[in-house]
N, C-alpha and C. Protein backbone atom coordinates (compact mmCIF):
# COMPACT_ATOMS: atom_id res chain seq x y z
N MET A 1 0.86 -1.18 0.00
CA MET A 1 0.00 0.00 0.00
C MET A 1 0.90 1.24 0.00
N ARG A 2 0.60 2.15 -0.87
CA ARG A 2 1.39 3.35 -1.02
C ARG A 2 1.33 4.22 0.24
N ASN A 3 2.48 4.62 0.73
CA ASN A 3 2.61 5.50 1.89
C ASN A 3 1.94 4.99 3.15
N HIS A 4 1.72 3.67 3.23
CA HIS A 4 1.23 3.08 4.47
C HIS A 4 2.46 2.78 5.31
N ARG A 5 2.53 3.36 6.47
CA ARG A 5 3.71 3.21 7.32
C ARG A 5 3.78 1.78 7.83
N HIS A 6 4.86 1.07 7.51
CA HIS A 6 5.04 -0.30 7.95
C HIS A 6 6.31 -0.36 8.79
N LEU A 7 6.17 -0.84 9.98
CA LEU A 7 7.32 -0.98 10.86
C LEU A 7 7.48 -2.44 11.21
N GLU A 8 8.69 -2.96 11.02
CA GLU A 8 8.91 -4.39 11.23
C GLU A 8 8.91 -4.76 12.71
N ASN A 9 9.40 -3.91 13.55
CA ASN A 9 9.49 -4.20 14.97
C ASN A 9 8.30 -3.57 15.67
N GLU A 10 7.50 -4.40 16.37
CA GLU A 10 6.30 -3.90 17.03
C GLU A 10 6.57 -2.74 17.98
N THR A 11 7.72 -2.73 18.61
CA THR A 11 8.01 -1.66 19.57
C THR A 11 8.20 -0.33 18.87
N GLN A 12 8.40 -0.35 17.55
CA GLN A 12 8.55 0.90 16.81
C GLN A 12 7.21 1.50 16.41
N ILE A 13 6.15 0.73 16.49
CA ILE A 13 4.84 1.24 16.12
C ILE A 13 4.36 2.16 17.23
N PRO A 14 4.07 3.42 16.90
CA PRO A 14 3.66 4.35 17.96
C PRO A 14 2.25 4.06 18.45
N ARG A 15 1.98 4.56 19.64
CA ARG A 15 0.63 4.52 20.19
C ARG A 15 -0.03 5.85 19.83
N VAL A 16 -1.34 5.82 19.64
CA VAL A 16 -2.06 7.05 19.33
C VAL A 16 -1.77 8.08 20.40
N THR A 17 -1.88 7.68 21.66
CA THR A 17 -1.53 8.56 22.77
C THR A 17 -0.40 7.93 23.54
N GLN A 18 0.57 8.72 23.87
CA GLN A 18 1.72 8.23 24.62
C GLN A 18 1.43 8.32 26.11
N SER A 19 1.94 7.36 26.87
CA SER A 19 1.68 7.34 28.31
C SER A 19 2.47 8.42 29.06
N ASN A 20 3.51 8.94 28.45
CA ASN A 20 4.34 9.95 29.13
C ASN A 20 3.92 11.36 28.73
N GLN A 21 2.62 11.63 28.80
CA GLN A 21 2.11 12.95 28.45
C GLN A 21 2.63 14.00 29.43
N ARG A 22 3.06 15.10 28.87
CA ARG A 22 3.49 16.20 29.73
C ARG A 22 2.28 17.10 30.01
N HIS A 23 2.42 17.91 31.01
CA HIS A 23 1.34 18.82 31.39
C HIS A 23 1.10 19.84 30.28
N ILE A 24 -0.15 20.11 29.99
CA ILE A 24 -0.52 21.11 28.97
C ILE A 24 -0.73 22.44 29.69
N THR A 25 -0.02 23.45 29.24
CA THR A 25 -0.19 24.77 29.85
C THR A 25 -1.46 25.44 29.30
N ILE A 26 -1.92 26.45 29.99
CA ILE A 26 -3.10 27.21 29.53
C ILE A 26 -2.81 27.82 28.16
N LYS A 27 -1.61 28.32 28.00
CA LYS A 27 -1.23 28.93 26.71
C LYS A 27 -1.27 27.90 25.58
N GLN A 28 -0.74 26.68 25.83
CA GLN A 28 -0.77 25.62 24.82
C GLN A 28 -2.21 25.21 24.51
N ARG A 29 -3.02 25.08 25.56
CA ARG A 29 -4.42 24.70 25.38
C ARG A 29 -5.15 25.74 24.52
N ASN A 30 -4.99 27.00 24.87
CA ASN A 30 -5.68 28.06 24.13
C ASN A 30 -5.19 28.15 22.69
N LYS A 31 -3.91 27.96 22.49
CA LYS A 31 -3.35 27.99 21.13
C LYS A 31 -3.94 26.86 20.28
N PHE A 32 -4.07 25.68 20.88
CA PHE A 32 -4.65 24.55 20.15
C PHE A 32 -6.12 24.80 19.83
N ILE A 33 -6.87 25.27 20.81
CA ILE A 33 -8.29 25.57 20.59
C ILE A 33 -8.45 26.59 19.48
N ASN A 34 -7.64 27.64 19.49
CA ASN A 34 -7.72 28.66 18.43
C ASN A 34 -7.37 28.09 17.06
N LYS A 35 -6.39 27.18 17.04
CA LYS A 35 -5.96 26.57 15.78
C LYS A 35 -7.09 25.74 15.16
N ILE A 36 -7.85 25.04 15.99
CA ILE A 36 -8.95 24.20 15.50
C ILE A 36 -10.19 25.05 15.23
N SER A 37 -10.42 26.07 16.05
CA SER A 37 -11.68 26.82 15.98
C SER A 37 -11.87 27.57 14.67
N THR A 38 -10.83 28.16 14.13
CA THR A 38 -10.99 28.96 12.91
C THR A 38 -11.53 28.12 11.74
N PRO A 39 -10.87 27.01 11.39
CA PRO A 39 -11.44 26.22 10.29
C PRO A 39 -12.77 25.55 10.66
N ALA A 40 -12.98 25.25 11.94
CA ALA A 40 -14.25 24.65 12.36
C ALA A 40 -15.41 25.63 12.16
N VAL A 41 -15.19 26.89 12.51
CA VAL A 41 -16.21 27.92 12.33
C VAL A 41 -16.48 28.14 10.84
N ILE A 42 -15.43 28.25 10.05
CA ILE A 42 -15.58 28.47 8.61
C ILE A 42 -16.34 27.32 7.96
N ASN A 43 -16.01 26.08 8.34
CA ASN A 43 -16.71 24.93 7.77
C ASN A 43 -18.18 24.93 8.15
N PHE A 44 -18.50 25.30 9.39
CA PHE A 44 -19.91 25.32 9.78
C PHE A 44 -20.66 26.43 9.04
N GLU A 45 -20.02 27.57 8.87
CA GLU A 45 -20.67 28.67 8.13
C GLU A 45 -21.00 28.24 6.70
N LYS A 46 -20.12 27.46 6.09
CA LYS A 46 -20.31 27.02 4.71
C LYS A 46 -21.30 25.86 4.59
N ASN A 47 -21.16 24.86 5.47
CA ASN A 47 -21.87 23.60 5.28
C ASN A 47 -22.98 23.30 6.29
N ARG A 48 -22.96 23.99 7.44
CA ARG A 48 -23.97 23.78 8.49
C ARG A 48 -24.08 22.30 8.89
N VAL A 49 -22.92 21.65 9.06
CA VAL A 49 -22.93 20.23 9.35
C VAL A 49 -22.59 19.92 10.81
N VAL A 50 -21.38 20.20 11.26
CA VAL A 50 -20.97 19.86 12.63
C VAL A 50 -20.63 21.15 13.38
N LEU A 51 -21.30 21.36 14.50
CA LEU A 51 -21.04 22.57 15.30
C LEU A 51 -19.56 22.68 15.65
N PRO A 52 -19.00 23.89 15.59
CA PRO A 52 -17.60 24.07 15.94
C PRO A 52 -17.26 23.56 17.35
N SER A 53 -18.18 23.73 18.30
CA SER A 53 -17.91 23.26 19.67
C SER A 53 -17.64 21.76 19.70
N VAL A 54 -18.36 21.01 18.90
CA VAL A 54 -18.18 19.56 18.85
C VAL A 54 -16.87 19.21 18.16
N VAL A 55 -16.56 19.88 17.07
CA VAL A 55 -15.31 19.65 16.36
C VAL A 55 -14.12 19.91 17.30
N ILE A 56 -14.16 21.03 18.00
CA ILE A 56 -13.06 21.39 18.90
C ILE A 56 -12.95 20.40 20.05
N ALA A 57 -14.09 20.04 20.65
CA ALA A 57 -14.07 19.09 21.78
C ALA A 57 -13.53 17.73 21.33
N GLN A 58 -13.92 17.27 20.15
CA GLN A 58 -13.40 15.99 19.66
C GLN A 58 -11.90 16.08 19.43
N ALA A 59 -11.43 17.18 18.87
CA ALA A 59 -10.00 17.34 18.64
C ALA A 59 -9.23 17.36 19.96
N ILE A 60 -9.76 18.04 20.96
CA ILE A 60 -9.12 18.07 22.28
C ILE A 60 -9.05 16.66 22.85
N LEU A 61 -10.17 15.97 22.87
CA LEU A 61 -10.25 14.65 23.47
C LEU A 61 -9.40 13.62 22.73
N GLU A 62 -9.51 13.60 21.43
CA GLU A 62 -8.82 12.58 20.63
C GLU A 62 -7.32 12.82 20.49
N SER A 63 -6.89 14.08 20.53
CA SER A 63 -5.46 14.36 20.32
C SER A 63 -4.74 14.91 21.55
N GLN A 64 -5.42 14.97 22.68
CA GLN A 64 -4.86 15.56 23.90
C GLN A 64 -4.24 16.93 23.59
N TYR A 65 -5.08 17.82 23.08
CA TYR A 65 -4.66 19.20 22.76
C TYR A 65 -3.53 19.24 21.73
N GLY A 66 -3.54 18.29 20.81
CA GLY A 66 -2.52 18.28 19.75
C GLY A 66 -1.20 17.66 20.14
N THR A 67 -1.14 16.96 21.26
CA THR A 67 0.12 16.36 21.70
C THR A 67 0.24 14.88 21.33
N SER A 68 -0.84 14.27 20.82
CA SER A 68 -0.78 12.83 20.50
C SER A 68 0.14 12.58 19.30
N GLU A 69 0.67 11.39 19.26
CA GLU A 69 1.51 11.00 18.13
C GLU A 69 0.71 10.98 16.83
N LEU A 70 -0.55 10.58 16.91
CA LEU A 70 -1.41 10.56 15.73
C LEU A 70 -1.55 11.96 15.14
N TYR A 71 -1.70 12.95 16.00
CA TYR A 71 -1.82 14.32 15.52
C TYR A 71 -0.47 14.82 14.97
N LYS A 72 0.59 14.57 15.70
CA LYS A 72 1.90 15.06 15.28
C LYS A 72 2.37 14.43 13.97
N LEU A 73 2.17 13.12 13.82
CA LEU A 73 2.70 12.42 12.66
C LEU A 73 1.74 12.34 11.47
N ALA A 74 0.44 12.33 11.74
CA ALA A 74 -0.53 12.13 10.67
C ALA A 74 -1.50 13.30 10.51
N LYS A 75 -1.32 14.36 11.31
CA LYS A 75 -2.22 15.52 11.28
C LYS A 75 -3.68 15.10 11.41
N ASN A 76 -3.92 14.09 12.26
CA ASN A 76 -5.25 13.53 12.46
C ASN A 76 -5.69 13.83 13.90
N PRO A 77 -6.41 14.93 14.12
CA PRO A 77 -6.79 15.28 15.49
C PRO A 77 -8.03 14.55 16.00
N PHE A 78 -8.68 13.74 15.14
CA PHE A 78 -9.96 13.14 15.50
C PHE A 78 -9.92 11.63 15.70
N GLY A 79 -8.78 11.00 15.51
CA GLY A 79 -8.70 9.55 15.67
C GLY A 79 -9.48 8.80 14.61
N ILE A 80 -9.56 9.35 13.40
CA ILE A 80 -10.33 8.73 12.33
C ILE A 80 -9.49 7.62 11.68
N LYS A 81 -10.09 6.43 11.66
CA LYS A 81 -9.41 5.26 11.10
C LYS A 81 -9.61 5.19 9.60
N GLY A 82 -8.78 4.37 8.94
CA GLY A 82 -8.88 4.16 7.51
C GLY A 82 -7.77 4.88 6.79
N SER A 83 -8.06 5.33 5.57
CA SER A 83 -7.07 6.08 4.81
C SER A 83 -7.73 7.30 4.19
N TYR A 84 -6.91 8.30 3.90
CA TYR A 84 -7.37 9.53 3.27
C TYR A 84 -6.55 9.70 2.00
N GLN A 85 -7.22 9.66 0.88
CA GLN A 85 -6.57 9.75 -0.43
C GLN A 85 -5.38 8.78 -0.50
N GLY A 86 -5.60 7.56 0.00
CA GLY A 86 -4.58 6.51 -0.03
C GLY A 86 -3.52 6.61 1.05
N GLN A 87 -3.63 7.59 1.92
CA GLN A 87 -2.61 7.82 2.95
C GLN A 87 -3.08 7.32 4.32
N SER A 88 -2.24 6.54 5.00
CA SER A 88 -2.57 6.08 6.35
C SER A 88 -1.29 5.79 7.12
N MET A 89 -1.45 5.65 8.42
CA MET A 89 -0.36 5.26 9.31
C MET A 89 -0.92 4.27 10.33
N THR A 90 -0.07 3.39 10.81
CA THR A 90 -0.49 2.37 11.76
C THR A 90 -0.06 2.76 13.17
N PHE A 91 -0.99 2.64 14.10
CA PHE A 91 -0.75 2.97 15.50
C PHE A 91 -1.43 1.94 16.38
N TYR A 92 -0.92 1.79 17.59
CA TYR A 92 -1.67 1.07 18.62
C TYR A 92 -2.66 2.05 19.23
N THR A 93 -3.83 1.57 19.53
CA THR A 93 -4.85 2.41 20.14
C THR A 93 -5.64 1.59 21.15
N HIS A 94 -6.38 2.28 21.99
CA HIS A 94 -7.23 1.61 22.97
C HIS A 94 -8.66 1.62 22.47
N GLU A 95 -9.32 0.48 22.59
CA GLU A 95 -10.73 0.33 22.25
C GLU A 95 -11.43 -0.32 23.43
N VAL A 96 -12.72 -0.08 23.55
CA VAL A 96 -13.51 -0.71 24.59
C VAL A 96 -14.37 -1.78 23.92
N GLU A 97 -14.17 -3.03 24.33
CA GLU A 97 -14.95 -4.14 23.82
C GLU A 97 -15.51 -4.92 24.99
N LYS A 98 -16.81 -5.11 25.00
CA LYS A 98 -17.50 -5.83 26.07
C LYS A 98 -17.13 -5.29 27.45
N GLY A 99 -16.99 -3.96 27.53
CA GLY A 99 -16.71 -3.30 28.80
C GLY A 99 -15.25 -3.31 29.21
N LYS A 100 -14.37 -3.89 28.41
CA LYS A 100 -12.95 -3.94 28.75
C LYS A 100 -12.14 -3.14 27.75
N THR A 101 -11.14 -2.43 28.26
CA THR A 101 -10.25 -1.67 27.39
C THR A 101 -9.13 -2.58 26.90
N ILE A 102 -8.97 -2.62 25.58
CA ILE A 102 -7.93 -3.44 24.99
C ILE A 102 -7.07 -2.58 24.06
N SER A 103 -5.86 -3.05 23.80
CA SER A 103 -4.95 -2.37 22.88
C SER A 103 -5.00 -3.10 21.55
N VAL A 104 -5.24 -2.34 20.48
CA VAL A 104 -5.31 -2.94 19.14
C VAL A 104 -4.47 -2.13 18.16
N LEU A 105 -4.03 -2.80 17.12
CA LEU A 105 -3.29 -2.16 16.05
C LEU A 105 -4.30 -1.72 15.00
N ALA A 106 -4.22 -0.46 14.58
CA ALA A 106 -5.20 0.05 13.62
C ALA A 106 -4.54 1.04 12.66
N ARG A 107 -5.13 1.14 11.47
CA ARG A 107 -4.69 2.13 10.48
C ARG A 107 -5.52 3.39 10.66
N PHE A 108 -4.86 4.52 10.64
CA PHE A 108 -5.52 5.81 10.79
C PHE A 108 -5.22 6.67 9.57
N ARG A 109 -6.18 7.53 9.27
CA ARG A 109 -6.03 8.44 8.14
C ARG A 109 -4.88 9.42 8.39
N LYS A 110 -4.11 9.63 7.34
CA LYS A 110 -3.02 10.62 7.38
C LYS A 110 -3.42 11.76 6.45
N TYR A 111 -3.40 12.97 7.01
CA TYR A 111 -3.84 14.15 6.27
C TYR A 111 -2.66 15.03 5.89
N PRO A 112 -2.81 15.78 4.79
CA PRO A 112 -1.74 16.71 4.39
C PRO A 112 -1.69 17.94 5.29
N ASN A 113 -2.86 18.29 5.89
CA ASN A 113 -2.92 19.48 6.75
C ASN A 113 -4.18 19.43 7.61
N LEU A 114 -4.26 20.34 8.55
CA LEU A 114 -5.38 20.38 9.48
C LEU A 114 -6.70 20.69 8.78
N GLN A 115 -6.68 21.58 7.81
CA GLN A 115 -7.90 21.94 7.08
C GLN A 115 -8.51 20.71 6.41
N ALA A 116 -7.67 19.89 5.78
CA ALA A 116 -8.16 18.66 5.13
C ALA A 116 -8.77 17.72 6.17
N ALA A 117 -8.14 17.63 7.34
CA ALA A 117 -8.65 16.76 8.41
C ALA A 117 -10.02 17.23 8.88
N ILE A 118 -10.18 18.52 9.06
CA ILE A 118 -11.46 19.05 9.55
C ILE A 118 -12.56 18.90 8.50
N MET A 119 -12.23 19.15 7.25
CA MET A 119 -13.23 18.98 6.18
C MET A 119 -13.65 17.52 6.06
N ASP A 120 -12.69 16.61 6.11
CA ASP A 120 -12.98 15.18 6.02
C ASP A 120 -13.80 14.73 7.23
N HIS A 121 -13.45 15.22 8.41
CA HIS A 121 -14.19 14.90 9.64
C HIS A 121 -15.65 15.32 9.50
N ASN A 122 -15.87 16.55 9.04
CA ASN A 122 -17.24 17.04 8.88
C ASN A 122 -18.05 16.17 7.92
N GLN A 123 -17.43 15.79 6.81
CA GLN A 123 -18.13 14.95 5.83
C GLN A 123 -18.43 13.58 6.42
N LEU A 124 -17.46 12.98 7.10
CA LEU A 124 -17.64 11.66 7.70
C LEU A 124 -18.71 11.68 8.79
N VAL A 125 -18.64 12.66 9.67
CA VAL A 125 -19.62 12.76 10.76
C VAL A 125 -21.03 12.94 10.19
N HIS A 126 -21.16 13.78 9.19
CA HIS A 126 -22.47 14.00 8.57
C HIS A 126 -22.99 12.74 7.89
N ARG A 127 -22.13 12.08 7.15
CA ARG A 127 -22.54 10.91 6.36
C ARG A 127 -22.85 9.69 7.23
N LYS A 128 -22.05 9.45 8.28
CA LYS A 128 -22.18 8.19 9.02
C LYS A 128 -22.78 8.31 10.42
N PHE A 129 -22.65 9.45 11.05
CA PHE A 129 -22.98 9.49 12.48
C PHE A 129 -24.10 10.45 12.86
N VAL A 130 -24.15 11.62 12.27
CA VAL A 130 -25.17 12.59 12.65
C VAL A 130 -26.29 12.63 11.61
N ARG A 131 -25.94 12.63 10.36
CA ARG A 131 -26.89 12.54 9.25
C ARG A 131 -27.92 13.67 9.20
N GLN A 132 -27.60 14.82 9.78
CA GLN A 132 -28.49 15.97 9.74
C GLN A 132 -27.68 17.24 9.51
N LYS A 133 -28.29 18.19 8.83
CA LYS A 133 -27.70 19.52 8.72
C LYS A 133 -28.46 20.44 9.65
N ASN A 134 -27.85 21.56 9.99
CA ASN A 134 -28.46 22.59 10.84
C ASN A 134 -28.85 22.07 12.22
N LEU A 135 -28.15 21.07 12.71
CA LEU A 135 -28.38 20.59 14.06
C LEU A 135 -27.67 21.55 15.01
N LEU A 136 -28.42 22.28 15.81
CA LEU A 136 -27.86 23.35 16.62
C LEU A 136 -27.70 22.99 18.09
N SER A 137 -27.85 21.74 18.44
CA SER A 137 -27.67 21.28 19.82
C SER A 137 -26.40 20.43 19.90
N TYR A 138 -25.42 20.93 20.64
CA TYR A 138 -24.20 20.13 20.77
C TYR A 138 -24.49 18.84 21.53
N ARG A 139 -25.41 18.87 22.49
CA ARG A 139 -25.74 17.66 23.26
C ARG A 139 -26.38 16.59 22.36
N LYS A 140 -27.25 17.00 21.47
CA LYS A 140 -27.85 16.03 20.55
C LYS A 140 -26.80 15.49 19.59
N THR A 141 -25.90 16.36 19.14
CA THR A 141 -24.84 15.93 18.23
C THR A 141 -23.93 14.91 18.91
N THR A 142 -23.50 15.20 20.14
CA THR A 142 -22.60 14.26 20.82
C THR A 142 -23.31 12.95 21.14
N ARG A 143 -24.60 13.03 21.44
CA ARG A 143 -25.39 11.82 21.71
C ARG A 143 -25.46 10.95 20.44
N LEU A 144 -25.67 11.59 19.28
CA LEU A 144 -25.71 10.85 18.02
C LEU A 144 -24.35 10.24 17.67
N LEU A 145 -23.28 10.96 17.95
CA LEU A 145 -21.94 10.41 17.72
C LEU A 145 -21.75 9.11 18.49
N GLN A 146 -22.12 9.14 19.77
CA GLN A 146 -21.96 7.95 20.60
C GLN A 146 -22.92 6.84 20.17
N LYS A 147 -24.18 7.18 19.99
CA LYS A 147 -25.20 6.20 19.63
C LYS A 147 -24.85 5.48 18.32
N ASN A 148 -24.31 6.22 17.36
CA ASN A 148 -24.03 5.66 16.04
C ASN A 148 -22.61 5.13 15.89
N GLY A 149 -21.87 5.03 17.00
CA GLY A 149 -20.60 4.30 17.00
C GLY A 149 -19.34 5.04 16.60
N TYR A 150 -19.32 6.37 16.75
CA TYR A 150 -18.08 7.08 16.42
C TYR A 150 -16.92 6.58 17.27
N ALA A 151 -17.16 6.34 18.55
CA ALA A 151 -16.12 5.88 19.46
C ALA A 151 -16.64 4.70 20.27
N THR A 152 -15.71 3.87 20.75
CA THR A 152 -16.13 2.71 21.56
C THR A 152 -16.26 3.06 23.04
N ASP A 153 -15.78 4.21 23.44
CA ASP A 153 -15.88 4.65 24.84
C ASP A 153 -17.35 4.90 25.19
N PRO A 154 -17.88 4.18 26.18
CA PRO A 154 -19.29 4.37 26.53
C PRO A 154 -19.60 5.73 27.14
N HIS A 155 -18.58 6.49 27.49
CA HIS A 155 -18.77 7.82 28.09
C HIS A 155 -18.34 8.94 27.14
N TYR A 156 -18.23 8.62 25.86
CA TYR A 156 -17.71 9.57 24.88
C TYR A 156 -18.51 10.87 24.84
N ALA A 157 -19.82 10.80 24.71
CA ALA A 157 -20.66 12.00 24.63
C ALA A 157 -20.51 12.84 25.90
N GLN A 158 -20.51 12.18 27.03
CA GLN A 158 -20.37 12.89 28.32
C GLN A 158 -19.03 13.63 28.39
N LYS A 159 -17.97 13.00 27.93
CA LYS A 159 -16.64 13.64 27.94
C LYS A 159 -16.61 14.86 27.02
N LEU A 160 -17.21 14.73 25.84
CA LEU A 160 -17.27 15.87 24.92
C LEU A 160 -18.08 17.01 25.52
N ASN A 161 -19.22 16.69 26.11
CA ASN A 161 -20.08 17.72 26.72
C ASN A 161 -19.34 18.45 27.83
N ARG A 162 -18.59 17.73 28.64
CA ARG A 162 -17.82 18.37 29.72
C ARG A 162 -16.78 19.34 29.16
N LEU A 163 -16.10 18.94 28.08
CA LEU A 163 -15.10 19.83 27.47
C LEU A 163 -15.77 21.08 26.90
N ILE A 164 -16.92 20.91 26.27
CA ILE A 164 -17.63 22.05 25.67
C ILE A 164 -18.02 23.06 26.75
N VAL A 165 -18.49 22.56 27.89
CA VAL A 165 -18.87 23.45 28.99
C VAL A 165 -17.62 24.05 29.66
N LYS A 166 -16.65 23.21 29.97
CA LYS A 166 -15.45 23.65 30.70
C LYS A 166 -14.73 24.79 29.98
N TYR A 167 -14.59 24.67 28.66
CA TYR A 167 -13.84 25.67 27.89
C TYR A 167 -14.75 26.65 27.15
N LYS A 168 -16.04 26.62 27.47
CA LYS A 168 -17.01 27.54 26.87
C LYS A 168 -16.93 27.52 25.33
N LEU A 169 -16.89 26.32 24.77
CA LEU A 169 -16.74 26.17 23.33
C LEU A 169 -17.98 26.57 22.55
N GLY A 170 -19.10 26.70 23.23
CA GLY A 170 -20.32 27.17 22.58
C GLY A 170 -20.17 28.55 21.98
N ARG A 171 -19.20 29.33 22.47
CA ARG A 171 -18.98 30.67 21.89
C ARG A 171 -18.60 30.59 20.42
N TYR A 172 -17.97 29.48 20.01
CA TYR A 172 -17.61 29.32 18.60
C TYR A 172 -18.84 28.97 17.76
N ASP A 173 -19.81 28.29 18.36
CA ASP A 173 -21.08 28.03 17.67
C ASP A 173 -21.79 29.36 17.42
N LEU A 174 -21.83 30.20 18.44
CA LEU A 174 -22.46 31.52 18.31
C LEU A 174 -21.77 32.36 17.24
N LYS A 175 -20.45 32.30 17.23
CA LYS A 175 -19.70 33.05 16.22
C LYS A 175 -20.08 32.57 14.82
N ALA A 176 -20.12 31.27 14.62
CA ALA A 176 -20.47 30.72 13.31
C ALA A 176 -21.89 31.08 12.89
N LEU A 177 -22.80 31.09 13.86
CA LEU A 177 -24.19 31.40 13.55
C LEU A 177 -24.42 32.90 13.33
N ASN A 178 -23.69 33.74 14.06
CA ASN A 178 -23.89 35.18 13.97
C ASN A 178 -23.07 35.88 12.91
N ASP A 179 -22.02 35.21 12.41
CA ASP A 179 -21.19 35.83 11.36
C ASP A 179 -21.87 35.78 10.00
N ASN A 180 -22.88 34.93 9.86
CA ASN A 180 -23.57 34.82 8.56
C ASN A 180 -24.56 35.92 8.36
């Protein structure tokens, strides 16, 4: 497979999230949120598909504020599996199966840039998980993500909702709605 990262030694295969995470400063957190928010707002203004608050919360949760190996190496802030225009990378990741967390090897989409990742995320979420446009409730959106299998974590929607409230991410939804 073209540009599929293959590593012969299992210990060389990175984990989506590394166990030796360093503390995220307020400045780093805010910088990451701002980096994700601009294209998230623009995409919502154009397509009315996924609220910016949900996009930002998913990026925070899935990439640990942009510090995950998946984000650094594949520009994939959402943990989206598969390939993007033939591009992918292999990582170990944690999944929840029958109530137990297990480590599995999986292929994840590799993006050329953050804008491509956000556009692809919006299309995927709309097509497979939310299936509605103009959905203006972040709680309903996160509930649909969980119900329709975006993540195996049984507390996924709750975690996203907490991030949206904690960092007041709804302000980006208001910006997207009021800028039009």
